[in-house]
Structure formats: structure tokens, C-alpha cells
Amino acid sequence: MIGYVIGDGDMVTGFRLVGVDGVEVASVDEAKQALDKALALSDVGIIVISQAYSTDPAIRDQIDKVRQERITPLIVELPGSRGQSKYIPISSTISKILGIKI
């Protein structure tokens, strides 16, 4: 299994320095296309995506759907070089997936 990173130039370059492939994106549309591509790859075990893009409603819905329906890949959201765009507590994500309030 391999990793794949989707984010701005700084994030992608940093991960490439440690051997993780990825794609530099500059818009939500590019990020959605990159996420679709990464999800189609059978050997990707973890996807790291910048929160600057993962908080967009279309991408958020796709991430939540993957988390509900698939074991892999693990999708990790990290703040980009411009910082965190929006904090999403893990308890909120778990509540949405399980359908219960915790």
C-alpha cells in the first residue's frame, strides 16, 4: 500500500521529499479530480488531503461516503501551509458515520 497527497505546492513537496507521491492542486475542482483519481488507484492505502479543500461540501460528502463504505484508503486531513481552514472534530465525523450522538 502506498500513500498519496493532495494539496498546495508546499504540502506536496514536503511529502515528496519523504517518498510519498501526490498532486499539487490550486482549486476545489482540481482537488476533487485528484481525489477521484486517488480513490480509483487500488494500491493507495492512505490519502492525505489539505483541509483547504476537504472542507468544501462536495469533497466533504465524498470523504464521508468513503469513510462509511470502505475500509481503505484511510483519508487524513491536514492543515495546509496557510493553516487550518476549519476545525472538524473527530467526534462529529464518528457521529455522522455511526448515526449516533457521542
PDB file of N, CA and C in Angstrom:
ATOM      1  N   MET A   1       0.844  -1.180   0.000  1.00  0.00           N
ATOM      2  CA  MET A   1       0.000   0.000   0.000  1.00  0.00           C
ATOM      3  C   MET A   1       0.890   1.244   0.000  1.00  0.00           C
ATOM      4  N   ILE A   2       0.422   2.235  -0.709  1.00  0.00           N
ATOM      5  CA  ILE A   2       1.180   3.478  -0.809  1.00  0.00           C
ATOM      6  C   ILE A   2       0.331   4.640  -0.322  1.00  0.00           C
ATOM      7  N   GLY A   3       0.982   5.768  -0.114  1.00  0.00           N
ATOM      8  CA  GLY A   3       0.305   6.987   0.258  1.00  0.00           C
ATOM      9  C   GLY A   3       0.172   7.911  -0.935  1.00  0.00           C
ATOM     10  N   TYR A   4      -0.740   8.858  -0.813  1.00  0.00           N
ATOM     11  CA  TYR A   4      -0.983   9.828  -1.879  1.00  0.00           C
ATOM     12  C   TYR A   4      -1.399  11.129  -1.209  1.00  0.00           C
ATOM     13  N   VAL A   5      -0.832  12.248  -1.649  1.00  0.00           N
ATOM     14  CA  VAL A   5      -1.131  13.533  -1.025  1.00  0.00           C
ATOM     15  C   VAL A   5      -1.752  14.484  -2.044  1.00  0.00           C
ATOM     16  N   ILE A   6      -2.750  15.248  -1.579  1.00  0.00           N
ATOM     17  CA  ILE A   6      -3.441  16.240  -2.401  1.00  0.00           C
ATOM     18  C   ILE A   6      -3.403  17.554  -1.637  1.00  0.00           C
ATOM     19  N   GLY A   7      -2.775  18.570  -2.224  1.00  0.00           N
ATOM     20  CA  GLY A   7      -2.691  19.845  -1.519  1.00  0.00           C
ATOM     21  C   GLY A   7      -1.941  20.888  -2.310  1.00  0.00           C
ATOM     22  N   ASP A   8      -1.545  21.941  -1.609  1.00  0.00           N
ATOM     23  CA  ASP A   8      -0.796  23.017  -2.262  1.00  0.00           C
ATOM     24  C   ASP A   8       0.648  22.575  -2.486  1.00  0.00           C
ATOM     25  N   GLY A   9       1.397  23.409  -3.153  1.00  0.00           N
ATOM     26  CA  GLY A   9       2.769  23.070  -3.518  1.00  0.00           C
ATOM     27  C   GLY A   9       3.653  22.724  -2.343  1.00  0.00           C
ATOM     28  N   ASP A  10       3.549  23.487  -1.265  1.00  0.00           N
ATOM     29  CA  ASP A  10       4.382  23.228  -0.088  1.00  0.00           C
ATOM     30  C   ASP A  10       4.087  21.858   0.521  1.00  0.00           C
ATOM     31  N   MET A  11       2.805  21.530   0.637  1.00  0.00           N
ATOM     32  CA  MET A  11       2.419  20.254   1.231  1.00  0.00           C
ATOM     33  C   MET A  11       2.892  19.086   0.361  1.00  0.00           C
ATOM     34  N   VAL A  12       2.636  19.176  -0.923  1.00  0.00           N
ATOM     35  CA  VAL A  12       3.009  18.090  -1.834  1.00  0.00           C
ATOM     36  C   VAL A  12       4.525  17.920  -1.881  1.00  0.00           C
ATOM     37  N   THR A  13       5.256  19.024  -1.943  1.00  0.00           N
ATOM     38  CA  THR A  13       6.720  18.953  -1.970  1.00  0.00           C
ATOM     39  C   THR A  13       7.259  18.303  -0.701  1.00  0.00           C
ATOM     40  N   GLY A  14       6.716  18.683   0.439  1.00  0.00           N
ATOM     41  CA  GLY A  14       7.152  18.098   1.707  1.00  0.00           C
ATOM     42  C   GLY A  14       6.970  16.592   1.742  1.00  0.00           C
ATOM     43  N   PHE A  15       5.833  16.123   1.278  1.00  0.00           N
ATOM     44  CA  PHE A  15       5.589  14.684   1.262  1.00  0.00           C
ATOM     45  C   PHE A  15       6.437  13.978   0.210  1.00  0.00           C
ATOM     46  N   ARG A  16       6.671  14.630  -0.915  1.00  0.00           N
ATOM     47  CA  ARG A  16       7.520  14.014  -1.949  1.00  0.00           C
ATOM     48  C   ARG A  16       8.942  13.815  -1.441  1.00  0.00           C
ATOM     49  N   LEU A  17       9.400  14.701  -0.569  1.00  0.00           N
ATOM     50  CA  LEU A  17      10.748  14.568  -0.013  1.00  0.00           C
ATOM     51  C   LEU A  17      10.913  13.288   0.803  1.00  0.00           C
ATOM     52  N   VAL A  18       9.808  12.763   1.322  1.00  0.00           N
ATOM     53  CA  VAL A  18       9.876  11.512   2.082  1.00  0.00           C
ATOM     54  C   VAL A  18       9.314  10.332   1.285  1.00  0.00           C
ATOM     55  N   GLY A  19       9.136  10.525  -0.018  1.00  0.00           N
ATOM     56  CA  GLY A  19       8.764   9.420  -0.889  1.00  0.00           C
ATOM     57  C   GLY A  19       7.291   9.189  -1.131  1.00  0.00           C
ATOM     58  N   VAL A  20       6.443  10.144  -0.748  1.00  0.00           N
ATOM     59  CA  VAL A  20       5.003   9.997  -0.959  1.00  0.00           C
ATOM     60  C   VAL A  20       4.606  10.781  -2.204  1.00  0.00           C
ATOM     61  N   ASP A  21       3.968  10.098  -3.143  1.00  0.00           N
ATOM     62  CA  ASP A  21       3.536  10.737  -4.378  1.00  0.00           C
ATOM     63  C   ASP A  21       2.275  11.553  -4.125  1.00  0.00           C
ATOM     64  N   GLY A  22       1.987  12.467  -5.024  1.00  0.00           N
ATOM     65  CA  GLY A  22       0.789  13.269  -4.888  1.00  0.00           C
ATOM     66  C   GLY A  22       0.634  14.244  -6.019  1.00  0.00           C
ATOM     67  N   VAL A  23      -0.348  15.109  -5.859  1.00  0.00           N
ATOM     68  CA  VAL A  23      -0.630  16.092  -6.892  1.00  0.00           C
ATOM     69  C   VAL A  23      -0.870  17.459  -6.250  1.00  0.00           C
ATOM     70  N   GLU A  24      -0.269  18.464  -6.864  1.00  0.00           N
ATOM     71  CA  GLU A  24      -0.452  19.846  -6.420  1.00  0.00           C
ATOM     72  C   GLU A  24      -1.715  20.385  -7.074  1.00  0.00           C
ATOM     73  N   VAL A  25      -2.610  20.943  -6.266  1.00  0.00           N
ATOM     74  CA  VAL A  25      -3.858  21.495  -6.786  1.00  0.00           C
ATOM     75  C   VAL A  25      -3.990  22.954  -6.364  1.00  0.00           C
ATOM     76  N   ALA A  26      -4.759  23.704  -7.168  1.00  0.00           N
ATOM     77  CA  ALA A  26      -4.938  25.124  -6.879  1.00  0.00           C
ATOM     78  C   ALA A  26      -6.409  25.509  -6.761  1.00  0.00           C
ATOM     79  N   SER A  27      -7.310  24.535  -6.913  1.00  0.00           N
ATOM     80  CA  SER A  27      -8.738  24.835  -6.811  1.00  0.00           C
ATOM     81  C   SER A  27      -9.475  23.611  -6.273  1.00  0.00           C
ATOM     82  N   VAL A  28     -10.708  23.842  -5.852  1.00  0.00           N
ATOM     83  CA  VAL A  28     -11.535  22.750  -5.344  1.00  0.00           C
ATOM     84  C   VAL A  28     -11.809  21.732  -6.450  1.00  0.00           C
ATOM     85  N   ASP A  29     -12.053  22.205  -7.667  1.00  0.00           N
ATOM     86  CA  ASP A  29     -12.307  21.288  -8.786  1.00  0.00           C
ATOM     87  C   ASP A  29     -11.108  20.375  -9.036  1.00  0.00           C
ATOM     88  N   GLU A  30      -9.908  20.950  -9.006  1.00  0.00           N
ATOM     89  CA  GLU A  30      -8.699  20.144  -9.188  1.00  0.00           C
ATOM     90  C   GLU A  30      -8.546  19.139  -8.051  1.00  0.00           C
ATOM     91  N   ALA A  31      -8.866  19.560  -6.831  1.00  0.00           N
ATOM     92  CA  ALA A  31      -8.762  18.662  -5.678  1.00  0.00           C
ATOM     93  C   ALA A  31      -9.754  17.511  -5.802  1.00  0.00           C
ATOM     94  N   LYS A  32     -10.963  17.794  -6.258  1.00  0.00           N
ATOM     95  CA  LYS A  32     -11.972  16.740  -6.438  1.00  0.00           C
ATOM     96  C   LYS A  32     -11.516  15.738  -7.491  1.00  0.00           C
ATOM     97  N   GLN A  33     -10.966  16.231  -8.593  1.00  0.00           N
ATOM     98  CA  GLN A  33     -10.458  15.335  -9.640  1.00  0.00           C
ATOM     99  C   GLN A  33      -9.298  14.482  -9.111  1.00  0.00           C
ATOM    100  N   ALA A  34      -8.421  15.101  -8.335  1.00  0.00           N
ATOM    101  CA  ALA A  34      -7.285  14.365  -7.763  1.00  0.00           C
ATOM    102  C   ALA A  34      -7.763  13.307  -6.772  1.00  0.00           C
ATOM    103  N   LEU A  35      -8.783  13.639  -5.985  1.00  0.00           N
ATOM    104  CA  LEU A  35      -9.329  12.674  -5.031  1.00  0.00           C
ATOM    105  C   LEU A  35      -9.968  11.503  -5.773  1.00  0.00           C
ATOM    106  N   ASP A  36     -10.717  11.787  -6.827  1.00  0.00           N
ATOM    107  CA  ASP A  36     -11.313  10.721  -7.643  1.00  0.00           C
ATOM    108  C   ASP A  36     -10.230   9.796  -8.192  1.00  0.00           C
ATOM    109  N   LYS A  37      -9.149  10.392  -8.686  1.00  0.00           N
ATOM    110  CA  LYS A  37      -8.035   9.613  -9.239  1.00  0.00           C
ATOM    111  C   LYS A  37      -7.406   8.733  -8.159  1.00  0.00           C
ATOM    112  N   ALA A  38      -7.160   9.306  -6.987  1.00  0.00           N
ATOM    113  CA  ALA A  38      -6.536   8.558  -5.895  1.00  0.00           C
ATOM    114  C   ALA A  38      -7.429   7.410  -5.428  1.00  0.00           C
ATOM    115  N   LEU A  39      -8.734   7.644  -5.376  1.00  0.00           N
ATOM    116  CA  LEU A  39      -9.661   6.603  -4.941  1.00  0.00           C
ATOM    117  C   LEU A  39      -9.756   5.461  -5.952  1.00  0.00           C
ATOM    118  N   ALA A  40      -9.458   5.744  -7.201  1.00  0.00           N
ATOM    119  CA  ALA A  40      -9.506   4.716  -8.246  1.00  0.00           C
ATOM    120  C   ALA A  40      -8.260   3.828  -8.254  1.00  0.00           C
ATOM    121  N   LEU A  41      -7.194   4.281  -7.618  1.00  0.00           N
ATOM    122  CA  LEU A  41      -5.951   3.504  -7.578  1.00  0.00           C
ATOM    123  C   LEU A  41      -6.071   2.406  -6.520  1.00  0.00           C
ATOM    124  N   SER A  42      -5.850   1.171  -6.916  1.00  0.00           N
ATOM    125  CA  SER A  42      -6.057   0.049  -5.996  1.00  0.00           C
ATOM    126  C   SER A  42      -4.979  -0.081  -4.925  1.00  0.00           C
ATOM    127  N   ASP A  43      -3.801   0.489  -5.166  1.00  0.00           N
ATOM    128  CA  ASP A  43      -2.709   0.322  -4.207  1.00  0.00           C
ATOM    129  C   ASP A  43      -2.563   1.470  -3.213  1.00  0.00           C
ATOM    130  N   VAL A  44      -3.463   2.446  -3.245  1.00  0.00           N
ATOM    131  CA  VAL A  44      -3.395   3.572  -2.307  1.00  0.00           C
ATOM    132  C   VAL A  44      -4.054   3.166  -0.992  1.00  0.00           C
ATOM    133  N   GLY A  45      -3.284   3.229   0.096  1.00  0.00           N
ATOM    134  CA  GLY A  45      -3.789   2.866   1.410  1.00  0.00           C
ATOM    135  C   GLY A  45      -4.103   4.058   2.291  1.00  0.00           C
ATOM    136  N   ILE A  46      -3.496   5.204   1.986  1.00  0.00           N
ATOM    137  CA  ILE A  46      -3.744   6.423   2.758  1.00  0.00           C
ATOM    138  C   ILE A  46      -3.696   7.621   1.816  1.00  0.00           C
ATOM    139  N   ILE A  47      -4.679   8.487   1.976  1.00  0.00           N
ATOM    140  CA  ILE A  47      -4.735   9.731   1.209  1.00  0.00           C
ATOM    141  C   ILE A  47      -4.659  10.877   2.204  1.00  0.00           C
ATOM    142  N   VAL A  48      -3.701  11.759   1.997  1.00  0.00           N
ATOM    143  CA  VAL A  48      -3.573  12.965   2.812  1.00  0.00           C
ATOM    144  C   VAL A  48      -4.081  14.115   1.955  1.00  0.00           C
ATOM    145  N   ILE A  49      -5.055  14.866   2.473  1.00  0.00           N
ATOM    146  CA  ILE A  49      -5.632  15.971   1.722  1.00  0.00           C
ATOM    147  C   ILE A  49      -5.626  17.230   2.582  1.00  0.00           C
ATOM    148  N   SER A  50      -5.338  18.340   1.960  1.00  0.00           N
ATOM    149  CA  SER A  50      -5.310  19.622   2.663  1.00  0.00           C
ATOM    150  C   SER A  50      -6.715  20.013   3.101  1.00  0.00           C
ATOM    151  N   GLN A  51      -6.834  20.524   4.323  1.00  0.00           N
ATOM    152  CA  GLN A  51      -8.130  20.977   4.821  1.00  0.00           C
ATOM    153  C   GLN A  51      -8.677  22.152   4.027  1.00  0.00           C
ATOM    154  N   ALA A  52      -7.818  22.842   3.315  1.00  0.00           N
ATOM    155  CA  ALA A  52      -8.291  23.938   2.473  1.00  0.00           C
ATOM    156  C   ALA A  52      -9.271  23.423   1.425  1.00  0.00           C
ATOM    157  N   TYR A  53      -9.155  22.148   1.064  1.00  0.00           N
ATOM    158  CA  TYR A  53     -10.045  21.550   0.065  1.00  0.00           C
ATOM    159  C   TYR A  53     -11.042  20.578   0.682  1.00  0.00           C
ATOM    160  N   SER A  54     -10.660  19.887   1.732  1.00  0.00           N
ATOM    161  CA  SER A  54     -11.532  18.859   2.304  1.00  0.00           C
ATOM    162  C   SER A  54     -12.768  19.426   2.984  1.00  0.00           C
ATOM    163  N   THR A  55     -12.774  20.705   3.288  1.00  0.00           N
ATOM    164  CA  THR A  55     -13.943  21.301   3.929  1.00  0.00           C
ATOM    165  C   THR A  55     -14.986  21.775   2.922  1.00  0.00           C
ATOM    166  N   ASP A  56     -14.675  21.731   1.627  1.00  0.00           N
ATOM    167  CA  ASP A  56     -15.666  22.057   0.602  1.00  0.00           C
ATOM    168  C   ASP A  56     -16.782  21.000   0.664  1.00  0.00           C
ATOM    169  N   PRO A  57     -18.051  21.424   0.591  1.00  0.00           N
ATOM    170  CA  PRO A  57     -19.158  20.465   0.756  1.00  0.00           C
ATOM    171  C   PRO A  57     -19.113  19.256  -0.182  1.00  0.00           C
ATOM    172  N   ALA A  58     -18.759  19.445  -1.435  1.00  0.00           N
ATOM    173  CA  ALA A  58     -18.728  18.321  -2.382  1.00  0.00           C
ATOM    174  C   ALA A  58     -17.653  17.310  -1.999  1.00  0.00           C
ATOM    175  N   ILE A  59     -16.484  17.798  -1.637  1.00  0.00           N
ATOM    176  CA  ILE A  59     -15.393  16.905  -1.244  1.00  0.00           C
ATOM    177  C   ILE A  59     -15.679  16.293   0.121  1.00  0.00           C
ATOM    178  N   ARG A  60     -16.230  17.081   1.043  1.00  0.00           N
ATOM    179  CA  ARG A  60     -16.583  16.570   2.373  1.00  0.00           C
ATOM    180  C   ARG A  60     -17.542  15.396   2.246  1.00  0.00           C
ATOM    181  N   ASP A  61     -18.574  15.529   1.400  1.00  0.00           N
ATOM    182  CA  ASP A  61     -19.539  14.444   1.217  1.00  0.00           C
ATOM    183  C   ASP A  61     -18.860  13.188   0.675  1.00  0.00           C
ATOM    184  N   GLN A  62     -17.945  13.374  -0.260  1.00  0.00           N
ATOM    185  CA  GLN A  62     -17.238  12.235  -0.839  1.00  0.00           C
ATOM    186  C   GLN A  62     -16.351  11.551   0.201  1.00  0.00           C
ATOM    187  N   ILE A  63     -15.655  12.335   1.002  1.00  0.00           N
ATOM    188  CA  ILE A  63     -14.806  11.774   2.056  1.00  0.00           C
ATOM    189  C   ILE A  63     -15.654  10.998   3.060  1.00  0.00           C
ATOM    190  N   ASP A  64     -16.769  11.582   3.486  1.00  0.00           N
ATOM    191  CA  ASP A  64     -17.649  10.903   4.441  1.00  0.00           C
ATOM    192  C   ASP A  64     -18.184   9.596   3.869  1.00  0.00           C
ATOM    193  N   LYS A  65     -18.535   9.599   2.587  1.00  0.00           N
ATOM    194  CA  LYS A  65     -19.048   8.389   1.938  1.00  0.00           C
ATOM    195  C   LYS A  65     -17.977   7.297   1.908  1.00  0.00           C
ATOM    196  N   VAL A  66     -16.751   7.677   1.565  1.00  0.00           N
ATOM    197  CA  VAL A  66     -15.656   6.700   1.541  1.00  0.00           C
ATOM    198  C   VAL A  66     -15.437   6.134   2.937  1.00  0.00           C
ATOM    199  N   ARG A  67     -15.461   6.972   3.941  1.00  0.00           N
ATOM    200  CA  ARG A  67     -15.242   6.515   5.318  1.00  0.00           C
ATOM    201  C   ARG A  67     -16.344   5.562   5.775  1.00  0.00           C
ATOM    202  N   GLN A  68     -17.558   5.752   5.281  1.00  0.00           N
ATOM    203  CA  GLN A  68     -18.672   4.890   5.658  1.00  0.00           C
ATOM    204  C   GLN A  68     -18.666   3.560   4.923  1.00  0.00           C
ATOM    205  N   GLU A  69     -18.221   3.567   3.673  1.00  0.00           N
ATOM    206  CA  GLU A  69     -18.398   2.398   2.821  1.00  0.00           C
ATOM    207  C   GLU A  69     -17.144   1.563   2.584  1.00  0.00           C
ATOM    208  N   ARG A  70     -15.983   2.100   2.874  1.00  0.00           N
ATOM    209  CA  ARG A  70     -14.746   1.394   2.540  1.00  0.00           C
ATOM    210  C   ARG A  70     -13.807   1.327   3.739  1.00  0.00           C
ATOM    211  N   ILE A  71     -13.021   0.284   3.770  1.00  0.00           N
ATOM    212  CA  ILE A  71     -12.005   0.153   4.815  1.00  0.00           C
ATOM    213  C   ILE A  71     -10.769   0.952   4.434  1.00  0.00           C
ATOM    214  N   THR A  72     -10.392   0.855   3.172  1.00  0.00           N
ATOM    215  CA  THR A  72      -9.256   1.624   2.672  1.00  0.00           C
ATOM    216  C   THR A  72      -9.701   2.423   1.467  1.00  0.00           C
ATOM    217  N   PRO A  73      -9.122   3.514   1.223  1.00  0.00           N
ATOM    218  CA  PRO A  73      -7.975   4.102   1.906  1.00  0.00           C
ATOM    219  C   PRO A  73      -8.402   4.923   3.123  1.00  0.00           C
ATOM    220  N   LEU A  74      -7.475   5.056   4.041  1.00  0.00           N
ATOM    221  CA  LEU A  74      -7.642   5.972   5.154  1.00  0.00           C
ATOM    222  C   LEU A  74      -7.440   7.380   4.608  1.00  0.00           C
ATOM    223  N   ILE A  75      -8.361   8.284   4.902  1.00  0.00           N
ATOM    224  CA  ILE A  75      -8.234   9.664   4.428  1.00  0.00           C
ATOM    225  C   ILE A  75      -7.927  10.555   5.626  1.00  0.00           C
ATOM    226  N   VAL A  76      -6.795  11.235   5.555  1.00  0.00           N
ATOM    227  CA  VAL A  76      -6.332  12.105   6.629  1.00  0.00           C
ATOM    228  C   VAL A  76      -6.344  13.538   6.125  1.00  0.00           C
ATOM    229  N   GLU A  77      -6.933  14.429   6.909  1.00  0.00           N
ATOM    230  CA  GLU A  77      -6.989  15.843   6.548  1.00  0.00           C
ATOM    231  C   GLU A  77      -5.978  16.615   7.387  1.00  0.00           C
ATOM    232  N   LEU A  78      -5.117  17.354   6.711  1.00  0.00           N
ATOM    233  CA  LEU A  78      -4.096  18.143   7.398  1.00  0.00           C
ATOM    234  C   LEU A  78      -4.216  19.605   7.001  1.00  0.00           C
ATOM    235  N   PRO A  79      -3.890  20.508   7.925  1.00  0.00           N
ATOM    236  CA  PRO A  79      -3.854  21.919   7.549  1.00  0.00           C
ATOM    237  C   PRO A  79      -2.773  22.144   6.502  1.00  0.00           C
ATOM    238  N   GLY A  80      -3.037  23.004   5.560  1.00  0.00           N
ATOM    239  CA  GLY A  80      -2.038  23.340   4.544  1.00  0.00           C
ATOM    240  C   GLY A  80      -1.067  24.380   5.059  1.00  0.00           C
ATOM    241  N   SER A  81      -0.289  24.928   4.170  1.00  0.00           N
ATOM    242  CA  SER A  81       0.720  25.911   4.567  1.00  0.00           C
ATOM    243  C   SER A  81       0.098  27.212   5.063  1.00  0.00           C
ATOM    244  N   ARG A  82      -1.154  27.447   4.714  1.00  0.00           N
ATOM    245  CA  ARG A  82      -1.845  28.658   5.174  1.00  0.00           C
ATOM    246  C   ARG A  82      -2.631  28.426   6.458  1.00  0.00           C
ATOM    247  N   GLY A  83      -2.438  27.275   7.058  1.00  0.00           N
ATOM    248  CA  GLY A  83      -3.112  26.983   8.316  1.00  0.00           C
ATOM    249  C   GLY A  83      -4.418  26.247   8.110  1.00  0.00           C
ATOM    250  N   GLN A  84      -5.062  25.990   9.217  1.00  0.00           N
ATOM    251  CA  GLN A  84      -6.306  25.234   9.209  1.00  0.00           C
ATOM    252  C   GLN A  84      -7.451  26.128   8.771  1.00  0.00           C
ATOM    253  N   SER A  85      -8.252  25.645   7.827  1.00  0.00           N
ATOM    254  CA  SER A  85      -9.361  26.456   7.355  1.00  0.00           C
ATOM    255  C   SER A  85     -10.605  26.287   8.215  1.00  0.00           C
ATOM    256  N   LYS A  86     -10.832  25.093   8.731  1.00  0.00           N
ATOM    257  CA  LYS A  86     -12.000  24.854   9.570  1.00  0.00           C
ATOM    258  C   LYS A  86     -11.758  23.596  10.385  1.00  0.00           C
ATOM    259  N   TYR A  87     -11.987  23.679  11.678  1.00  0.00           N
ATOM    260  CA  TYR A  87     -11.793  22.525  12.549  1.00  0.00           C
ATOM    261  C   TYR A  87     -13.036  21.641  12.508  1.00  0.00           C
ATOM    262  N   ILE A  88     -12.841  20.367  12.229  1.00  0.00           N
ATOM    263  CA  ILE A  88     -13.931  19.399  12.243  1.00  0.00           C
ATOM    264  C   ILE A  88     -13.580  18.345  13.288  1.00  0.00           C
ATOM    265  N   PRO A  89     -14.274  18.360  14.434  1.00  0.00           N
ATOM    266  CA  PRO A  89     -13.939  17.403  15.491  1.00  0.00           C
ATOM    267  C   PRO A  89     -14.161  15.961  15.036  1.00  0.00           C
ATOM    268  N   ILE A  90     -13.304  15.059  15.470  1.00  0.00           N
ATOM    269  CA  ILE A  90     -13.429  13.651  15.107  1.00  0.00           C
ATOM    270  C   ILE A  90     -14.740  13.077  15.623  1.00  0.00           C
ATOM    271  N   SER A  91     -15.219  13.569  16.762  1.00  0.00           N
ATOM    272  CA  SER A  91     -16.487  13.064  17.296  1.00  0.00           C
ATOM    273  C   SER A  91     -17.644  13.374  16.350  1.00  0.00           C
ATOM    274  N   SER A  92     -17.570  14.500  15.668  1.00  0.00           N
ATOM    275  CA  SER A  92     -18.595  14.854  14.686  1.00  0.00           C
ATOM    276  C   SER A  92     -18.580  13.881  13.513  1.00  0.00           C
ATOM    277  N   THR A  93     -17.403  13.550  13.046  1.00  0.00           N
ATOM    278  CA  THR A  93     -17.274  12.601  11.934  1.00  0.00           C
ATOM    279  C   THR A  93     -17.786  11.226  12.347  1.00  0.00           C
ATOM    280  N   ILE A  94     -17.418  10.772  13.540  1.00  0.00           N
ATOM    281  CA  ILE A  94     -17.869   9.467  14.026  1.00  0.00           C
ATOM    282  C   ILE A  94     -19.383   9.453  14.178  1.00  0.00           C
ATOM    283  N   SER A  95     -19.943  10.530  14.700  1.00  0.00           N
ATOM    284  CA  SER A  95     -21.393  10.619  14.850  1.00  0.00           C
ATOM    285  C   SER A  95     -22.101  10.509  13.508  1.00  0.00           C
ATOM    286  N   LYS A  96     -21.558  11.173  12.488  1.00  0.00           N
ATOM    287  CA  LYS A  96     -22.165  11.106  11.157  1.00  0.00           C
ATOM    288  C   LYS A  96     -22.078   9.697  10.589  1.00  0.00           C
ATOM    289  N   ILE A  97     -20.952   9.032  10.793  1.00  0.00           N
ATOM    290  CA  ILE A  97     -20.763   7.689  10.246  1.00  0.00           C
ATOM    291  C   ILE A  97     -21.658   6.669  10.952  1.00  0.00           C
ATOM    292  N   LEU A  98     -21.704   6.728  12.278  1.00  0.00           N
ATOM    293  CA  LEU A  98     -22.472   5.753  13.047  1.00  0.00           C
ATOM    294  C   LEU A  98     -23.945   6.114  13.169  1.00  0.00           C
ATOM    295  N   GLY A  99     -24.264   7.369  12.952  1.00  0.00           N
ATOM    296  CA  GLY A  99     -25.650   7.799  13.070  1.00  0.00           C
ATOM    297  C   GLY A  99     -26.112   7.960  14.505  1.00  0.00           C
ATOM    298  N   ILE A 100     -25.158   8.134  15.419  1.00  0.00           N
ATOM    299  CA  ILE A 100     -25.495   8.337  16.825  1.00  0.00           C
ATOM    300  C   ILE A 100     -24.715   9.523  17.366  1.00  0.00           C
ATOM    301  N   LYS A 101     -25.234  10.093  18.432  1.00  0.00           N
ATOM    302  CA  LYS A 101     -24.529  11.205  19.061  1.00  0.00           C
ATOM    303  C   LYS A 101     -23.616  10.655  20.150  1.00  0.00           C
ATOM    304  N   ILE A 102     -22.337  11.105  20.122  1.00  0.00           N
ATOM    305  CA  ILE A 102     -21.410  10.644  21.155  1.00  0.00           C
ATOM    306  C   ILE A 102     -20.906  11.820  21.957  1.00  0.00           C
TER     307      ILE A 102
END
